[in-house]
Protein backbone atom coordinates (compact mmCIF):
# COMPACT_ATOMS: atom_id res chain seq x y z
CA MET A 1 83.43 81.69 91.02
CA ALA A 2 83.82 77.96 90.50
CA SER A 3 84.83 76.65 87.09
CA VAL A 4 82.44 74.64 84.96
CA GLY A 5 84.44 71.48 85.72
CA THR A 6 84.16 72.03 89.46
CA LEU A 7 80.42 72.63 89.21
CA ILE A 8 79.92 69.45 87.15
CA ASN A 9 82.08 67.42 89.56
CA THR A 10 80.13 68.85 92.50
CA TRP A 11 76.81 67.99 90.87
CA LEU A 12 77.88 64.43 89.97
CA CYS A 13 80.12 63.43 92.87
CA GLY A 14 79.45 65.81 95.75
CA ARG A 15 77.14 65.74 98.73
CA SER A 16 76.32 69.04 100.42
CA VAL A 17 77.16 69.22 104.11
CA GLY A 18 76.35 72.84 104.85
CA ALA A 19 77.07 76.52 104.37
CA ASP A 20 78.79 79.21 106.42
CA GLU A 21 77.77 82.74 107.35
CA PHE A 22 79.35 84.12 104.15
CA GLY A 23 77.23 81.89 101.90
CA ASN A 24 80.10 79.53 100.95
CA ARG A 25 78.86 75.96 100.43
CA TYR A 26 80.78 72.87 101.55
CA PHE A 27 80.78 69.40 100.00
CA ARG A 28 82.17 65.91 100.50
CA GLU A 29 82.41 62.91 98.20
CA ARG A 30 79.30 60.78 97.87
CA ARG A 31 81.35 57.60 97.62
CA PRO A 32 84.75 58.05 99.30
CA SER A 33 87.57 55.71 98.36
CA LYS A 34 89.04 53.35 100.95
CA ASN A 35 92.56 54.00 99.60
CA ARG A 36 92.76 57.74 100.34
CA PRO A 37 91.22 60.36 102.63
CA GLU A 38 87.75 61.61 101.80
CA ARG A 39 87.75 64.61 99.45
CA ARG A 40 86.16 67.78 100.78
CA TRP A 41 85.79 71.13 99.05
CA VAL A 42 84.14 74.53 99.14
CA LEU A 43 82.28 76.57 96.52
CA TYR A 44 82.87 80.22 97.32
CA VAL A 45 80.39 83.03 96.91
CA GLY A 46 82.16 85.67 94.82
CA ASP A 47 85.93 85.55 94.50
CA ASP A 48 87.83 82.45 95.60
CA ASP A 49 89.38 83.69 98.83
CA GLY A 50 90.59 81.10 101.31
CA SER A 51 90.72 83.73 104.06
CA ARG A 52 86.90 83.77 103.99
CA VAL A 53 86.65 80.22 105.36
CA PRO A 54 85.69 80.29 109.08
CA PRO A 55 87.88 78.31 111.52
CA GLY A 56 85.45 75.43 112.04
CA TRP A 57 85.03 74.86 108.32
CA HIS A 58 88.78 75.21 107.77
CA ALA A 59 89.38 72.46 110.34
CA TRP A 60 86.80 70.22 108.63
CA LEU A 61 88.22 70.82 105.13
CA ASN A 62 91.71 69.87 106.37
CA HIS A 63 90.50 66.73 108.20
CA SER A 64 91.27 68.15 111.66
CA ARG A 65 87.73 67.30 112.67
CA ASP A 66 85.35 64.62 111.41
CA ASP A 67 82.01 66.39 111.82
CA PRO A 68 81.26 69.54 109.82
CA PRO A 69 80.31 72.66 111.79
CA SER A 70 76.77 72.38 110.39
CA SER A 71 76.23 69.27 112.55
CA ARG A 72 78.53 70.11 115.49
CA PRO A 73 79.47 73.82 115.66
CA LEU A 74 82.66 74.98 117.35
CA ALA A 75 82.17 76.86 120.59
CA ALA A 76 83.14 80.51 120.17
CA GLN A 77 86.03 81.57 122.37
CA ARG A 78 85.97 84.92 124.18
CA TRP A 79 89.30 85.92 122.61
CA GLU A 80 88.10 85.37 119.02
CA LYS A 81 87.66 88.43 116.83
CA PRO A 82 85.12 88.84 114.02
CA HIS A 83 86.37 87.82 110.60
CA GLU A 84 88.20 90.41 108.53
CA PRO A 85 88.97 89.73 104.88
CA ASN A 86 92.52 89.63 103.57
CA LEU A 87 93.01 93.12 102.08
CA THR A 88 96.44 92.46 100.55
CA GLY A 89 96.57 93.81 97.01
CA THR A 90 93.63 96.16 97.49
CA PRO A 91 93.60 99.93 98.09
CA LEU A 92 92.61 99.20 101.71
CA ALA A 93 95.73 97.11 102.42
CA TYR A 94 97.93 98.13 105.34
CA ARG A 95 100.91 100.20 104.30
CA PRO A 96 103.41 101.25 106.97
CA PRO A 97 104.73 104.80 107.22
CA GLY A 98 107.32 105.39 104.50
CA HIS A 99 105.74 103.00 102.03
CA THR A 100 106.05 104.26 98.45
CA LEU A 101 102.26 104.19 98.03
CA ARG A 102 101.89 106.40 101.14
CA GLY A 103 104.17 109.13 99.84
CA GLY A 104 107.51 107.45 100.51
CA LYS A 105 108.37 109.75 103.44
CA ARG A 106 109.27 108.26 106.79
CA ALA A 107 110.50 109.60 110.08
CA PRO A 108 114.26 110.10 110.26
CA ALA A 109 116.37 107.46 111.98
CA THR A 110 116.69 107.86 115.74
CA GLY A 111 120.48 107.79 115.79
CA ASP A 112 120.84 104.22 116.99
CA TYR A 113 121.79 102.99 113.53
CA GLU A 114 125.40 102.89 112.39
CA PRO A 115 126.02 101.73 108.83
CA TRP A 116 128.72 99.11 108.30
CA LYS A 117 131.78 100.45 106.49
CA PRO A 118 134.30 97.96 105.09
CA GLU A 119 137.89 98.63 106.00
């Protein structure tokens, strides 16, 4: 959730340019300065999670494209997968076999490992 300062700044200085499929709203400065790049930002729905920004909006936020996806959407590629949230730090995070939170037991070594012994 955005802080009170961010909400006030958005209300006073921001101009809405669109929203994505997750409900996040994107803004740009009403009066950009000539001495620096235009400021662009996002107000997230729920927790602030940068992994929930779709590729087109990510490119626009980082000035890789001039037009926001709301006015000129990116063409979907056949190799693109649907978005999956970053699950790091949650109970659903990936944990490889042998991880301490998966019991700490792993398959024995295959015999191709020889420990170094100083002489």
